[in-house]
Amino acid sequence: MTEPPIIERIDADLEELMERFFASSRREVEAMRAALAAQDFVTLARLGHTAKGTGYGYGFRGMGDIGLALESAALADDHTGAASQVERLAHYLASVRVEFVD
Protein backbone atom coordinates (compact mmCIF):
# COMPACT_ATOMS: atom_id res chain seq x y z
CA MET A 1 0.00 0.00 0.00
CA THR A 2 1.44 3.35 -1.00
CA GLU A 3 1.33 6.35 1.26
CA PRO A 4 -0.76 9.32 0.21
CA PRO A 5 1.36 12.22 -1.02
CA ILE A 6 2.33 14.95 1.38
CA ILE A 7 0.98 18.20 -0.02
CA GLU A 8 1.95 21.60 1.30
CA ARG A 9 0.21 24.75 0.11
CA ILE A 10 2.88 27.39 -0.36
CA ASP A 11 2.56 31.04 -1.31
CA ALA A 12 3.07 31.41 -5.07
CA ASP A 13 5.47 34.31 -4.42
CA LEU A 14 7.98 31.75 -3.10
CA GLU A 15 7.93 29.53 -6.20
CA GLU A 16 11.24 30.80 -7.58
CA LEU A 17 12.98 29.93 -4.28
CA MET A 18 11.87 26.29 -4.13
CA GLU A 19 14.78 24.70 -5.99
CA ARG A 20 17.30 26.40 -3.71
CA PHE A 21 15.13 25.68 -0.65
CA PHE A 22 15.04 21.94 -1.34
CA ALA A 23 18.75 21.74 -2.24
CA SER A 24 19.68 23.52 0.99
CA SER A 25 17.30 21.38 3.06
CA ARG A 26 18.79 18.16 1.65
CA ARG A 27 22.30 19.39 2.52
CA GLU A 28 21.06 20.06 6.05
CA VAL A 29 19.86 16.44 6.32
CA GLU A 30 23.40 15.29 5.45
CA ALA A 31 24.79 17.62 8.13
CA MET A 32 22.26 16.16 10.58
CA ARG A 33 23.40 12.62 9.73
CA ALA A 34 27.03 13.64 10.29
CA ALA A 35 26.15 15.24 13.64
CA LEU A 36 24.28 12.07 14.63
CA ALA A 37 27.29 9.92 13.78
CA ALA A 38 29.45 12.20 15.94
CA GLN A 39 26.88 12.25 18.77
CA ASP A 40 26.94 16.05 18.42
CA PHE A 41 23.63 16.93 20.01
CA VAL A 42 24.41 20.66 20.15
CA THR A 43 24.69 20.77 16.35
CA LEU A 44 21.62 18.56 15.98
CA ALA A 45 19.59 20.89 18.18
CA ARG A 46 20.72 23.89 16.12
CA LEU A 47 19.92 22.14 12.84
CA GLY A 48 16.53 21.06 14.19
CA HIS A 49 15.83 24.62 15.27
CA THR A 50 16.79 25.86 11.80
CA ALA A 51 14.56 23.27 10.10
CA LYS A 52 11.70 24.29 12.38
CA GLY A 53 12.07 27.99 11.59
CA THR A 54 12.67 27.50 7.89
CA GLY A 55 9.85 25.02 7.52
CA TYR A 56 7.28 27.13 9.31
CA GLY A 57 8.61 30.31 7.69
CA TYR A 58 8.15 29.01 4.17
CA GLY A 59 4.84 27.29 4.95
CA PHE A 60 6.14 23.71 5.18
CA ARG A 61 4.30 22.77 8.36
CA GLY A 62 5.44 19.15 8.23
CA MET A 63 9.07 20.22 8.10
CA GLY A 64 8.54 22.65 10.95
CA ASP A 65 6.96 19.93 13.08
CA ILE A 66 9.83 17.53 12.36
CA GLY A 67 12.39 20.24 13.11
CA LEU A 68 10.71 20.89 16.46
CA ALA A 69 10.74 17.17 17.32
CA LEU A 70 14.40 16.89 16.26
CA GLU A 71 15.39 19.89 18.34
CA SER A 72 13.60 18.42 21.38
CA ALA A 73 15.22 15.00 20.92
CA ALA A 74 18.66 16.55 20.52
CA LEU A 75 18.23 18.71 23.63
CA ALA A 76 17.41 15.51 25.53
CA ASP A 77 20.51 13.74 24.09
CA ASP A 78 18.09 11.16 22.62
CA HIS A 79 20.07 9.54 19.80
CA THR A 80 17.28 7.16 18.78
CA GLY A 81 14.65 9.90 18.74
CA ALA A 82 16.92 12.29 16.85
CA ALA A 83 17.83 9.62 14.29
CA SER A 84 14.15 8.91 13.75
CA GLN A 85 13.41 12.59 13.12
CA VAL A 86 16.32 12.99 10.71
CA GLU A 87 15.02 10.07 8.66
CA ARG A 88 11.48 11.48 8.86
CA LEU A 89 12.80 14.75 7.46
CA ALA A 90 14.66 12.98 4.63
CA HIS A 91 11.47 11.09 3.75
CA TYR A 92 9.40 14.27 3.97
CA LEU A 93 11.72 16.15 1.62
CA ALA A 94 11.65 13.27 -0.88
CA SER A 95 7.86 12.94 -0.70
CA VAL A 96 6.40 16.43 -0.29
CA ARG A 97 4.61 18.00 -3.22
CA VAL A 98 4.09 21.73 -3.39
CA GLU A 99 0.80 23.30 -4.40
CA PHE A 100 1.25 27.02 -4.97
CA VAL A 101 -1.54 29.31 -3.87
CA ASP A 102 -2.11 33.00 -4.46
PDB file of N, CA and C in Angstrom:
ATOM      1  N   MET A   1       0.836  -1.174   0.000  1.00  0.00           N
ATOM      2  CA  MET A   1       0.000   0.000   0.000  1.00  0.00           C
ATOM      3  C   MET A   1       0.887   1.247   0.000  1.00  0.00           C
ATOM      4  N   THR A   2       0.644   2.132  -0.913  1.00  0.00           N
ATOM      5  CA  THR A   2       1.442   3.349  -0.999  1.00  0.00           C
ATOM      6  C   THR A   2       0.859   4.426  -0.093  1.00  0.00           C
ATOM      7  N   GLU A   3       1.756   5.250   0.396  1.00  0.00           N
ATOM      8  CA  GLU A   3       1.334   6.346   1.262  1.00  0.00           C
ATOM      9  C   GLU A   3       0.743   7.464   0.416  1.00  0.00           C
ATOM     10  N   PRO A   4      -0.238   8.159   0.945  1.00  0.00           N
ATOM     11  CA  PRO A   4      -0.764   9.320   0.212  1.00  0.00           C
ATOM     12  C   PRO A   4       0.323  10.388   0.136  1.00  0.00           C
ATOM     13  N   PRO A   5       0.323  11.183  -0.913  1.00  0.00           N
ATOM     14  CA  PRO A   5       1.355  12.221  -1.024  1.00  0.00           C
ATOM     15  C   PRO A   5       1.201  13.271   0.075  1.00  0.00           C
ATOM     16  N   ILE A   6       2.321  13.832   0.434  1.00  0.00           N
ATOM     17  CA  ILE A   6       2.327  14.945   1.384  1.00  0.00           C
ATOM     18  C   ILE A   6       2.220  16.208   0.535  1.00  0.00           C
ATOM     19  N   ILE A   7       1.179  16.980   0.762  1.00  0.00           N
ATOM     20  CA  ILE A   7       0.976  18.200  -0.016  1.00  0.00           C
ATOM     21  C   ILE A   7       1.031  19.398   0.917  1.00  0.00           C
ATOM     22  N   GLU A   8       1.866  20.345   0.550  1.00  0.00           N
ATOM     23  CA  GLU A   8       1.947  21.599   1.301  1.00  0.00           C
ATOM     24  C   GLU A   8       1.518  22.720   0.363  1.00  0.00           C
ATOM     25  N   ARG A   9       0.688  23.579   0.874  1.00  0.00           N
ATOM     26  CA  ARG A   9       0.206  24.746   0.111  1.00  0.00           C
ATOM     27  C   ARG A   9       1.106  25.928   0.453  1.00  0.00           C
ATOM     28  N   ILE A  10       1.855  26.371  -0.550  1.00  0.00           N
ATOM     29  CA  ILE A  10       2.884  27.388  -0.359  1.00  0.00           C
ATOM     30  C   ILE A  10       2.527  28.621  -1.182  1.00  0.00           C
ATOM     31  N   ASP A  11       2.810  29.767  -0.622  1.00  0.00           N
ATOM     32  CA  ASP A  11       2.557  31.037  -1.307  1.00  0.00           C
ATOM     33  C   ASP A  11       3.270  31.048  -2.662  1.00  0.00           C
ATOM     34  N   ALA A  12       2.533  31.391  -3.705  1.00  0.00           N
ATOM     35  CA  ALA A  12       3.075  31.410  -5.068  1.00  0.00           C
ATOM     36  C   ALA A  12       4.256  32.367  -5.206  1.00  0.00           C
ATOM     37  N   ASP A  13       4.343  33.376  -4.365  1.00  0.00           N
ATOM     38  CA  ASP A  13       5.465  34.314  -4.418  1.00  0.00           C
ATOM     39  C   ASP A  13       6.800  33.634  -4.098  1.00  0.00           C
ATOM     40  N   LEU A  14       6.754  32.456  -3.482  1.00  0.00           N
ATOM     41  CA  LEU A  14       7.975  31.749  -3.102  1.00  0.00           C
ATOM     42  C   LEU A  14       8.417  30.714  -4.144  1.00  0.00           C
ATOM     43  N   GLU A  15       7.659  30.588  -5.216  1.00  0.00           N
ATOM     44  CA  GLU A  15       7.929  29.534  -6.198  1.00  0.00           C
ATOM     45  C   GLU A  15       9.369  29.556  -6.710  1.00  0.00           C
ATOM     46  N   GLU A  16       9.894  30.719  -7.011  1.00  0.00           N
ATOM     47  CA  GLU A  16      11.242  30.795  -7.580  1.00  0.00           C
ATOM     48  C   GLU A  16      12.328  30.387  -6.584  1.00  0.00           C
ATOM     49  N   LEU A  17      12.004  30.312  -5.305  1.00  0.00           N
ATOM     50  CA  LEU A  17      12.977  29.933  -4.278  1.00  0.00           C
ATOM     51  C   LEU A  17      12.994  28.436  -3.981  1.00  0.00           C
ATOM     52  N   MET A  18      12.048  27.688  -4.521  1.00  0.00           N
ATOM     53  CA  MET A  18      11.872  26.294  -4.131  1.00  0.00           C
ATOM     54  C   MET A  18      13.057  25.398  -4.466  1.00  0.00           C
ATOM     55  N   GLU A  19      13.643  25.561  -5.616  1.00  0.00           N
ATOM     56  CA  GLU A  19      14.779  24.701  -5.985  1.00  0.00           C
ATOM     57  C   GLU A  19      15.922  24.874  -4.988  1.00  0.00           C
ATOM     58  N   ARG A  20      16.237  26.108  -4.674  1.00  0.00           N
ATOM     59  CA  ARG A  20      17.297  26.399  -3.712  1.00  0.00           C
ATOM     60  C   ARG A  20      16.905  25.922  -2.307  1.00  0.00           C
ATOM     61  N   PHE A  21      15.635  26.117  -1.952  1.00  0.00           N
ATOM     62  CA  PHE A  21      15.135  25.681  -0.650  1.00  0.00           C
ATOM     63  C   PHE A  21      15.336  24.180  -0.463  1.00  0.00           C
ATOM     64  N   PHE A  22      14.925  23.390  -1.458  1.00  0.00           N
ATOM     65  CA  PHE A  22      15.045  21.939  -1.336  1.00  0.00           C
ATOM     66  C   PHE A  22      16.501  21.483  -1.362  1.00  0.00           C
ATOM     67  N   ALA A  23      17.334  22.100  -2.189  1.00  0.00           N
ATOM     68  CA  ALA A  23      18.753  21.738  -2.235  1.00  0.00           C
ATOM     69  C   ALA A  23      19.410  22.007  -0.879  1.00  0.00           C
ATOM     70  N   SER A  24      19.119  23.156  -0.309  1.00  0.00           N
ATOM     71  CA  SER A  24      19.679  23.516   0.992  1.00  0.00           C
ATOM     72  C   SER A  24      19.168  22.577   2.085  1.00  0.00           C
ATOM     73  N   SER A  25      17.892  22.258   2.046  1.00  0.00           N
ATOM     74  CA  SER A  25      17.303  21.378   3.056  1.00  0.00           C
ATOM     75  C   SER A  25      17.905  19.977   2.986  1.00  0.00           C
ATOM     76  N   ARG A  26      18.170  19.492   1.793  1.00  0.00           N
ATOM     77  CA  ARG A  26      18.793  18.162   1.654  1.00  0.00           C
ATOM     78  C   ARG A  26      20.231  18.174   2.180  1.00  0.00           C
ATOM     79  N   ARG A  27      20.948  19.272   1.960  1.00  0.00           N
ATOM     80  CA  ARG A  27      22.300  19.387   2.524  1.00  0.00           C
ATOM     81  C   ARG A  27      22.233  19.391   4.052  1.00  0.00           C
ATOM     82  N   GLU A  28      21.215  20.030   4.594  1.00  0.00           N
ATOM     83  CA  GLU A  28      21.057  20.057   6.055  1.00  0.00           C
ATOM     84  C   GLU A  28      20.828  18.647   6.605  1.00  0.00           C
ATOM     85  N   VAL A  29      20.079  17.824   5.878  1.00  0.00           N
ATOM     86  CA  VAL A  29      19.864  16.444   6.317  1.00  0.00           C
ATOM     87  C   VAL A  29      21.208  15.710   6.393  1.00  0.00           C
ATOM     88  N   GLU A  30      22.077  15.926   5.415  1.00  0.00           N
ATOM     89  CA  GLU A  30      23.396  15.290   5.450  1.00  0.00           C
ATOM     90  C   GLU A  30      24.198  15.791   6.641  1.00  0.00           C
ATOM     91  N   ALA A  31      24.106  17.076   6.951  1.00  0.00           N
ATOM     92  CA  ALA A  31      24.787  17.624   8.129  1.00  0.00           C
ATOM     93  C   ALA A  31      24.205  17.017   9.407  1.00  0.00           C
ATOM     94  N   MET A  32      22.904  16.797   9.426  1.00  0.00           N
ATOM     95  CA  MET A  32      22.262  16.156  10.580  1.00  0.00           C
ATOM     96  C   MET A  32      22.777  14.733  10.754  1.00  0.00           C
ATOM     97  N   ARG A  33      22.896  14.000   9.658  1.00  0.00           N
ATOM     98  CA  ARG A  33      23.405  12.624   9.735  1.00  0.00           C
ATOM     99  C   ARG A  33      24.841  12.610  10.260  1.00  0.00           C
ATOM    100  N   ALA A  34      25.652  13.565   9.806  1.00  0.00           N
ATOM    101  CA  ALA A  34      27.033  13.643  10.292  1.00  0.00           C
ATOM    102  C   ALA A  34      27.057  13.975  11.789  1.00  0.00           C
ATOM    103  N   ALA A  35      26.214  14.886  12.220  1.00  0.00           N
ATOM    104  CA  ALA A  35      26.145  15.235  13.643  1.00  0.00           C
ATOM    105  C   ALA A  35      25.678  14.035  14.469  1.00  0.00           C
ATOM    106  N   LEU A  36      24.727  13.284  13.945  1.00  0.00           N
ATOM    107  CA  LEU A  36      24.276  12.068  14.635  1.00  0.00           C
ATOM    108  C   LEU A  36      25.426  11.089  14.805  1.00  0.00           C
ATOM    109  N   ALA A  37      26.175  10.867  13.729  1.00  0.00           N
ATOM    110  CA  ALA A  37      27.287   9.923  13.777  1.00  0.00           C
ATOM    111  C   ALA A  37      28.326  10.346  14.808  1.00  0.00           C
ATOM    112  N   ALA A  38      28.482  11.659  14.977  1.00  0.00           N
ATOM    113  CA  ALA A  38      29.454  12.197  15.938  1.00  0.00           C
ATOM    114  C   ALA A  38      28.849  12.377  17.333  1.00  0.00           C
ATOM    115  N   GLN A  39      27.578  12.039  17.493  1.00  0.00           N
ATOM    116  CA  GLN A  39      26.877  12.254  18.768  1.00  0.00           C
ATOM    117  C   GLN A  39      26.924  13.725  19.179  1.00  0.00           C
ATOM    118  N   ASP A  40      26.865  14.602  18.192  1.00  0.00           N
ATOM    119  CA  ASP A  40      26.945  16.046  18.416  1.00  0.00           C
ATOM    120  C   ASP A  40      25.531  16.612  18.556  1.00  0.00           C
ATOM    121  N   PHE A  41      25.007  16.519  19.769  1.00  0.00           N
ATOM    122  CA  PHE A  41      23.630  16.927  20.014  1.00  0.00           C
ATOM    123  C   PHE A  41      23.450  18.442  19.978  1.00  0.00           C
ATOM    124  N   VAL A  42      24.497  19.197  20.241  1.00  0.00           N
ATOM    125  CA  VAL A  42      24.414  20.657  20.155  1.00  0.00           C
ATOM    126  C   VAL A  42      24.140  21.060  18.702  1.00  0.00           C
ATOM    127  N   THR A  43      24.901  20.481  17.776  1.00  0.00           N
ATOM    128  CA  THR A  43      24.693  20.774  16.355  1.00  0.00           C
ATOM    129  C   THR A  43      23.334  20.275  15.895  1.00  0.00           C
ATOM    130  N   LEU A  44      22.940  19.086  16.347  1.00  0.00           N
ATOM    131  CA  LEU A  44      21.625  18.555  15.978  1.00  0.00           C
ATOM    132  C   LEU A  44      20.504  19.468  16.454  1.00  0.00           C
ATOM    133  N   ALA A  45      20.621  19.982  17.663  1.00  0.00           N
ATOM    134  CA  ALA A  45      19.590  20.887  18.180  1.00  0.00           C
ATOM    135  C   ALA A  45      19.521  22.157  17.332  1.00  0.00           C
ATOM    136  N   ARG A  46      20.689  22.691  16.962  1.00  0.00           N
ATOM    137  CA  ARG A  46      20.723  23.892  16.124  1.00  0.00           C
ATOM    138  C   ARG A  46      20.110  23.616  14.760  1.00  0.00           C
ATOM    139  N   LEU A  47      20.471  22.485  14.154  1.00  0.00           N
ATOM    140  CA  LEU A  47      19.920  22.140  12.842  1.00  0.00           C
ATOM    141  C   LEU A  47      18.415  21.881  12.915  1.00  0.00           C
ATOM    142  N   GLY A  48      17.964  21.263  13.998  1.00  0.00           N
ATOM    143  CA  GLY A  48      16.531  21.064  14.186  1.00  0.00           C
ATOM    144  C   GLY A  48      15.809  22.393  14.331  1.00  0.00           C
ATOM    145  N   HIS A  49      16.406  23.290  15.084  1.00  0.00           N
ATOM    146  CA  HIS A  49      15.829  24.624  15.269  1.00  0.00           C
ATOM    147  C   HIS A  49      15.735  25.353  13.927  1.00  0.00           C
ATOM    148  N   THR A  50      16.784  25.241  13.124  1.00  0.00           N
ATOM    149  CA  THR A  50      16.791  25.865  11.802  1.00  0.00           C
ATOM    150  C   THR A  50      15.706  25.264  10.910  1.00  0.00           C
ATOM    151  N   ALA A  51      15.593  23.939  10.913  1.00  0.00           N
ATOM    152  CA  ALA A  51      14.565  23.274  10.098  1.00  0.00           C
ATOM    153  C   ALA A  51      13.170  23.697  10.547  1.00  0.00           C
ATOM    154  N   LYS A  52      12.989  23.835  11.845  1.00  0.00           N
ATOM    155  CA  LYS A  52      11.702  24.291  12.382  1.00  0.00           C
ATOM    156  C   LYS A  52      11.368  25.684  11.861  1.00  0.00           C
ATOM    157  N   GLY A  53      12.302  26.610  12.013  1.00  0.00           N
ATOM    158  CA  GLY A  53      12.067  27.988  11.591  1.00  0.00           C
ATOM    159  C   GLY A  53      11.907  28.124  10.094  1.00  0.00           C
ATOM    160  N   THR A  54      12.749  27.438   9.345  1.00  0.00           N
ATOM    161  CA  THR A  54      12.675  27.497   7.891  1.00  0.00           C
ATOM    162  C   THR A  54      11.381  26.867   7.396  1.00  0.00           C
ATOM    163  N   GLY A  55      11.070  25.706   7.942  1.00  0.00           N
ATOM    164  CA  GLY A  55       9.848  25.018   7.522  1.00  0.00           C
ATOM    165  C   GLY A  55       8.608  25.863   7.773  1.00  0.00           C
ATOM    166  N   TYR A  56       8.449  26.314   8.989  1.00  0.00           N
ATOM    167  CA  TYR A  56       7.275  27.128   9.306  1.00  0.00           C
ATOM    168  C   TYR A  56       7.300  28.448   8.534  1.00  0.00           C
ATOM    169  N   GLY A  57       8.489  29.026   8.379  1.00  0.00           N
ATOM    170  CA  GLY A  57       8.605  30.308   7.695  1.00  0.00           C
ATOM    171  C   GLY A  57       8.187  30.256   6.233  1.00  0.00           C
ATOM    172  N   TYR A  58       8.498  29.158   5.579  1.00  0.00           N
ATOM    173  CA  TYR A  58       8.148  29.009   4.168  1.00  0.00           C
ATOM    174  C   TYR A  58       6.761  28.390   3.981  1.00  0.00           C
ATOM    175  N   GLY A  59       6.161  27.907   5.053  1.00  0.00           N
ATOM    176  CA  GLY A  59       4.841  27.295   4.954  1.00  0.00           C
ATOM    177  C   GLY A  59       4.862  25.776   4.910  1.00  0.00           C
ATOM    178  N   PHE A  60       6.019  25.172   5.153  1.00  0.00           N
ATOM    179  CA  PHE A  60       6.141  23.711   5.183  1.00  0.00           C
ATOM    180  C   PHE A  60       5.925  23.245   6.625  1.00  0.00           C
ATOM    181  N   ARG A  61       4.654  23.110   6.977  1.00  0.00           N
ATOM    182  CA  ARG A  61       4.298  22.773   8.361  1.00  0.00           C
ATOM    183  C   ARG A  61       4.888  21.434   8.796  1.00  0.00           C
ATOM    184  N   GLY A  62       4.876  20.463   7.892  1.00  0.00           N
ATOM    185  CA  GLY A  62       5.442  19.155   8.226  1.00  0.00           C
ATOM    186  C   GLY A  62       6.915  19.249   8.586  1.00  0.00           C
ATOM    187  N   MET A  63       7.656  20.030   7.826  1.00  0.00           N
ATOM    188  CA  MET A  63       9.075  20.217   8.100  1.00  0.00           C
ATOM    189  C   MET A  63       9.269  20.945   9.430  1.00  0.00           C
ATOM    190  N   GLY A  64       8.448  21.939   9.681  1.00  0.00           N
ATOM    191  CA  GLY A  64       8.536  22.650  10.949  1.00  0.00           C
ATOM    192  C   GLY A  64       8.281  21.733  12.129  1.00  0.00           C
ATOM    193  N   ASP A  65       7.279  20.878  12.002  1.00  0.00           N
ATOM    194  CA  ASP A  65       6.958  19.926  13.076  1.00  0.00           C
ATOM    195  C   ASP A  65       8.111  18.949  13.315  1.00  0.00           C
ATOM    196  N   ILE A  66       8.709  18.463  12.232  1.00  0.00           N
ATOM    197  CA  ILE A  66       9.828  17.530  12.356  1.00  0.00           C
ATOM    198  C   ILE A  66      11.029  18.241  12.970  1.00  0.00           C
ATOM    199  N   GLY A  67      11.290  19.469  12.535  1.00  0.00           N
ATOM    200  CA  GLY A  67      12.395  20.236  13.109  1.00  0.00           C
ATOM    201  C   GLY A  67      12.223  20.437  14.604  1.00  0.00           C
ATOM    202  N   LEU A  68      10.998  20.735  15.027  1.00  0.00           N
ATOM    203  CA  LEU A  68      10.709  20.893  16.456  1.00  0.00           C
ATOM    204  C   LEU A  68      10.985  19.598  17.212  1.00  0.00           C
ATOM    205  N   ALA A  69      10.528  18.471  16.664  1.00  0.00           N
ATOM    206  CA  ALA A  69      10.744  17.172  17.316  1.00  0.00           C
ATOM    207  C   ALA A  69      12.234  16.822  17.352  1.00  0.00           C
ATOM    208  N   LEU A  70      12.964  17.150  16.285  1.00  0.00           N
ATOM    209  CA  LEU A  70      14.404  16.889  16.262  1.00  0.00           C
ATOM    210  C   LEU A  70      15.117  17.741  17.301  1.00  0.00           C
ATOM    211  N   GLU A  71      14.774  19.000  17.357  1.00  0.00           N
ATOM    212  CA  GLU A  71      15.389  19.889  18.344  1.00  0.00           C
ATOM    213  C   GLU A  71      15.148  19.360  19.760  1.00  0.00           C
ATOM    214  N   SER A  72      13.932  18.946  20.046  1.00  0.00           N
ATOM    215  CA  SER A  72      13.597  18.419  21.375  1.00  0.00           C
ATOM    216  C   SER A  72      14.383  17.160  21.690  1.00  0.00           C
ATOM    217  N   ALA A  73      14.466  16.241  20.708  1.00  0.00           N
ATOM    218  CA  ALA A  73      15.216  14.995  20.923  1.00  0.00           C
ATOM    219  C   ALA A  73      16.696  15.292  21.152  1.00  0.00           C
ATOM    220  N   ALA A  74      17.245  16.210  20.379  1.00  0.00           N
ATOM    221  CA  ALA A  74      18.663  16.546  20.525  1.00  0.00           C
ATOM    222  C   ALA A  74      18.942  17.191  21.875  1.00  0.00           C
ATOM    223  N   LEU A  75      18.047  18.069  22.319  1.00  0.00           N
ATOM    224  CA  LEU A  75      18.231  18.712  23.625  1.00  0.00           C
ATOM    225  C   LEU A  75      18.175  17.704  24.763  1.00  0.00           C
ATOM    226  N   ALA A  76      17.507  16.574  24.530  1.00  0.00           N
ATOM    227  CA  ALA A  76      17.413  15.513  25.526  1.00  0.00           C
ATOM    228  C   ALA A  76      18.515  14.463  25.339  1.00  0.00           C
ATOM    229  N   ASP A  77      19.447  14.707  24.418  1.00  0.00           N
ATOM    230  CA  ASP A  77      20.506  13.739  24.089  1.00  0.00           C
ATOM    231  C   ASP A  77      19.923  12.369  23.726  1.00  0.00           C
ATOM    232  N   ASP A  78      18.798  12.388  23.025  1.00  0.00           N
ATOM    233  CA  ASP A  78      18.087  11.165  22.623  1.00  0.00           C
ATOM    234  C   ASP A  78      18.512  10.776  21.207  1.00  0.00           C
ATOM    235  N   HIS A  79      19.530   9.935  21.115  1.00  0.00           N
ATOM    236  CA  HIS A  79      20.069   9.545  19.805  1.00  0.00           C
ATOM    237  C   HIS A  79      19.019   8.847  18.961  1.00  0.00           C
ATOM    238  N   THR A  80      18.290   7.910  19.536  1.00  0.00           N
ATOM    239  CA  THR A  80      17.285   7.163  18.783  1.00  0.00           C
ATOM    240  C   THR A  80      16.181   8.083  18.280  1.00  0.00           C
ATOM    241  N   GLY A  81      15.693   8.959  19.140  1.00  0.00           N
ATOM    242  CA  GLY A  81      14.654   9.901  18.741  1.00  0.00           C
ATOM    243  C   GLY A  81      15.142  10.868  17.679  1.00  0.00           C
ATOM    244  N   ALA A  82      16.369  11.369  17.837  1.00  0.00           N
ATOM    245  CA  ALA A  82      16.925  12.291  16.851  1.00  0.00           C
ATOM    246  C   ALA A  82      17.111  11.592  15.512  1.00  0.00           C
ATOM    247  N   ALA A  83      17.623  10.368  15.542  1.00  0.00           N
ATOM    248  CA  ALA A  83      17.829   9.616  14.294  1.00  0.00           C
ATOM    249  C   ALA A  83      16.507   9.402  13.578  1.00  0.00           C
ATOM    250  N   SER A  84      15.475   9.107  14.333  1.00  0.00           N
ATOM    251  CA  SER A  84      14.147   8.911  13.750  1.00  0.00           C
ATOM    252  C   SER A  84      13.658  10.181  13.068  1.00  0.00           C
ATOM    253  N   GLN A  85      13.870  11.316  13.699  1.00  0.00           N
ATOM    254  CA  GLN A  85      13.407  12.587  13.124  1.00  0.00           C
ATOM    255  C   GLN A  85      14.217  12.974  11.887  1.00  0.00           C
ATOM    256  N   VAL A  86      15.505  12.695  11.889  1.00  0.00           N
ATOM    257  CA  VAL A  86      16.323  12.988  10.709  1.00  0.00           C
ATOM    258  C   VAL A  86      15.818  12.174   9.520  1.00  0.00           C
ATOM    259  N   GLU A  87      15.519  10.907   9.753  1.00  0.00           N
ATOM    260  CA  GLU A  87      15.019  10.070   8.657  1.00  0.00           C
ATOM    261  C   GLU A  87      13.607  10.491   8.241  1.00  0.00           C
ATOM    262  N   ARG A  88      12.803  10.931   9.199  1.00  0.00           N
ATOM    263  CA  ARG A  88      11.476  11.479   8.859  1.00  0.00           C
ATOM    264  C   ARG A  88      11.618  12.693   7.954  1.00  0.00           C
ATOM    265  N   LEU A  89      12.587  13.553   8.266  1.00  0.00           N
ATOM    266  CA  LEU A  89      12.801  14.749   7.455  1.00  0.00           C
ATOM    267  C   LEU A  89      13.270  14.376   6.054  1.00  0.00           C
ATOM    268  N   ALA A  90      14.186  13.423   5.952  1.00  0.00           N
ATOM    269  CA  ALA A  90      14.656  12.984   4.635  1.00  0.00           C
ATOM    270  C   ALA A  90      13.489  12.439   3.813  1.00  0.00           C
ATOM    271  N   HIS A  91      12.639  11.642   4.437  1.00  0.00           N
ATOM    272  CA  HIS A  91      11.469  11.093   3.750  1.00  0.00           C
ATOM    273  C   HIS A  91      10.509  12.214   3.350  1.00  0.00           C
ATOM    274  N   TYR A  92      10.291  13.137   4.247  1.00  0.00           N
ATOM    275  CA  TYR A  92       9.404  14.266   3.969  1.00  0.00           C
ATOM    276  C   TYR A  92       9.893  15.038   2.754  1.00  0.00           C
ATOM    277  N   LEU A  93      11.174  15.378   2.728  1.00  0.00           N
ATOM    278  CA  LEU A  93      11.716  16.154   1.618  1.00  0.00           C
ATOM    279  C   LEU A  93      11.628  15.400   0.291  1.00  0.00           C
ATOM    280  N   ALA A  94      11.746  14.069   0.349  1.00  0.00           N
ATOM    281  CA  ALA A  94      11.650  13.268  -0.877  1.00  0.00           C
ATOM    282  C   ALA A  94      10.204  13.098  -1.330  1.00  0.00           C
ATOM    283  N   SER A  95       9.269  13.259  -0.413  1.00  0.00           N
ATOM    284  CA  SER A  95       7.865  12.939  -0.704  1.00  0.00           C
ATOM    285  C   SER A  95       6.959  14.156  -0.898  1.00  0.00           C
ATOM    286  N   VAL A  96       7.305  15.276  -0.296  1.00  0.00           N
ATOM    287  CA  VAL A  96       6.402  16.426  -0.286  1.00  0.00           C
ATOM    288  C   VAL A  96       6.193  16.965  -1.702  1.00  0.00           C
ATOM    289  N   ARG A  97       4.971  17.355  -1.954  1.00  0.00           N
ATOM    290  CA  ARG A  97       4.614  17.998  -3.217  1.00  0.00           C
ATOM    291  C   ARG A  97       4.054  19.377  -2.878  1.00  0.00           C
ATOM    292  N   VAL A  98       4.464  20.349  -3.662  1.00  0.00           N
ATOM    293  CA  VAL A  98       4.088  21.732  -3.394  1.00  0.00           C
ATOM    294  C   VAL A  98       2.919  22.112  -4.295  1.00  0.00           C
ATOM    295  N   GLU A  99       1.924  22.716  -3.672  1.00  0.00           N
ATOM    296  CA  GLU A  99       0.802  23.302  -4.397  1.00  0.00           C
ATOM    297  C   GLU A  99       0.866  24.798  -4.119  1.00  0.00           C
ATOM    298  N   PHE A 100       1.126  25.570  -5.155  1.00  0.00           N
ATOM    299  CA  PHE A 100       1.251  27.022  -4.974  1.00  0.00           C
ATOM    300  C   PHE A 100      -0.116  27.679  -4.955  1.00  0.00           C
ATOM    301  N   VAL A 101      -0.276  28.581  -4.018  1.00  0.00           N
ATOM    302  CA  VAL A 101      -1.535  29.306  -3.868  1.00  0.00           C
ATOM    303  C   VAL A 101      -1.261  30.801  -3.913  1.00  0.00           C
ATOM    304  N   ASP A 102      -2.245  31.538  -4.408  1.00  0.00           N
ATOM    305  CA  ASP A 102      -2.112  33.002  -4.464  1.00  0.00           C
ATOM    306  C   ASP A 102      -2.575  33.644  -3.193  1.00  0.00           C
TER     307      ASP A 102
END
